[in-house]
């Protein structure tokens, strides 16, 4: 699956979902080591957007909360993550 506008749109929603929640935002900033300026500079990079989705996928309660908020199936979120380069080499 090649990333398309829908993949980028969902990933941008994930960025917003993380940044609007203080706990998620703080955890993402701590784990990624990125500053808010670095995040803004990375928003057009598929690898960065894949890492945002991976952050949510890695913790099932966060994945489910984002799936519910975005009205997307968790499997769709995983498929978008893969289309952006996530999980390369991990065929499970």
Foldseek 3Di string as FASTA:
>chain_A
DADDPVLLVLLVLLVVVQVVDPVSVVVCCVVVVDDPVVCVVCSVQLVSSLVSLVSQVVDVVSLVVSCVVVVHDSVVSVVSSVNSPPPVVPDD
